[in-house]
Amino acid sequence: MKLNPDFVVHNTGEETLLVPTARAPFHGLVQGNKTLDVILGCLQTETTEEAIVAELAARFHGDADDMREDVAAALAHLRKIGALEE
């Protein structure tokens, strides 16, 4: 899976924004934190859910199960708005 090219990632330094282009099926703005920034960074190229969890674990200290849940929830939302190509 990877990020739909009809969406653009913008990092302000404090938050990460996922911005749809005019061609995107979603018309709104997705705001996120550093976790979403890592997830979206991984999605710039073809990746898997497991690889995203591994990248989060390499960057942040925390419970692996919590990270899996966070990634699953984020990916579910991205699927819902049409931001993923699978």
Protein backbone atom coordinates (compact mmCIF):
# COMPACT_ATOMS: atom_id res chain seq x y z
CA MET A 1 0.00 0.00 0.00
CA LYS A 2 1.05 3.60 -0.43
CA LEU A 3 -0.34 7.11 -0.22
CA ASN A 4 -2.67 8.18 -2.99
CA PRO A 5 -0.85 10.87 -5.03
CA ASP A 6 -4.00 13.00 -4.86
CA PHE A 7 -3.00 13.80 -1.26
CA VAL A 8 -0.10 16.00 -0.16
CA VAL A 9 1.67 15.80 3.20
CA HIS A 10 2.64 19.09 4.85
CA ASN A 11 4.61 19.23 8.09
CA THR A 12 4.50 22.52 9.98
CA GLY A 13 7.06 21.40 12.55
CA GLU A 14 4.39 21.10 15.21
CA GLU A 15 1.78 19.09 13.36
CA THR A 16 1.37 17.10 10.18
CA LEU A 17 -1.37 17.90 7.69
CA LEU A 18 -2.71 15.67 4.96
CA VAL A 19 -4.14 17.92 2.26
CA PRO A 20 -6.25 16.60 -0.61
CA THR A 21 -5.77 17.97 -4.12
CA ALA A 22 -8.74 18.85 -6.30
CA ARG A 23 -8.75 15.29 -7.71
CA ALA A 24 -8.98 13.63 -4.28
CA PRO A 25 -12.22 11.89 -3.27
CA PHE A 26 -12.06 13.63 0.13
CA HIS A 27 -12.52 17.34 0.72
CA GLY A 28 -11.17 18.30 4.10
CA LEU A 29 -7.99 18.38 6.10
CA VAL A 30 -6.44 15.67 8.25
CA GLN A 31 -4.37 16.95 11.18
CA GLY A 32 -1.99 14.70 13.05
CA ASN A 33 0.99 14.42 15.33
CA LYS A 34 4.47 12.91 15.01
CA THR A 35 3.00 9.42 14.84
CA LEU A 36 0.93 10.33 11.78
CA ASP A 37 3.99 12.02 10.30
CA VAL A 38 5.94 8.73 10.51
CA ILE A 39 3.00 6.75 9.11
CA LEU A 40 2.60 9.14 6.16
CA GLY A 41 6.35 9.14 5.62
CA CYS A 42 6.32 5.37 5.33
CA LEU A 43 3.43 5.57 2.88
CA GLN A 44 5.44 7.69 0.44
CA THR A 45 6.65 4.38 -1.01
CA GLU A 46 5.07 0.94 -1.14
CA THR A 47 4.98 -0.49 2.39
CA THR A 48 3.12 -2.81 4.75
CA GLU A 49 1.37 -2.28 8.04
CA GLU A 50 4.06 -4.35 9.77
CA ALA A 51 6.83 -2.17 8.30
CA ILE A 52 5.10 0.97 9.56
CA VAL A 53 4.81 -0.49 13.07
CA ALA A 54 8.50 -1.43 12.95
CA GLU A 55 9.43 2.13 11.93
CA LEU A 56 7.41 3.59 14.81
CA ALA A 57 9.05 1.17 17.24
CA ALA A 58 12.48 2.22 15.97
CA ARG A 59 11.70 5.91 16.50
CA PHE A 60 9.60 5.94 19.65
CA HIS A 61 9.57 4.10 22.95
CA GLY A 62 6.25 2.57 23.77
CA ASP A 63 4.08 -0.49 23.88
CA ALA A 64 4.15 -2.45 20.60
CA ASP A 65 0.47 -3.37 20.92
CA ASP A 66 -0.46 0.30 21.30
CA MET A 67 1.59 1.13 18.21
CA ARG A 68 -0.18 -1.60 16.21
CA GLU A 69 -3.55 -0.23 17.29
CA ASP A 70 -2.54 3.33 16.38
CA VAL A 71 -1.31 2.27 12.94
CA ALA A 72 -4.42 0.18 12.30
CA ALA A 73 -6.69 3.08 13.27
CA ALA A 74 -4.76 5.57 11.14
CA LEU A 75 -4.78 3.26 8.12
CA ALA A 76 -8.51 2.61 8.55
CA HIS A 77 -9.16 6.36 8.47
CA LEU A 78 -6.89 6.85 5.46
CA ARG A 79 -8.73 4.05 3.64
CA LYS A 80 -12.08 5.61 4.50
CA ILE A 81 -11.14 8.94 2.89
CA GLY A 82 -9.51 7.33 -0.16
CA ALA A 83 -5.96 8.30 0.76
CA LEU A 84 -4.46 4.83 0.27
CA GLU A 85 -3.62 2.93 -2.88
CA GLU A 86 -3.66 -0.81 -2.27
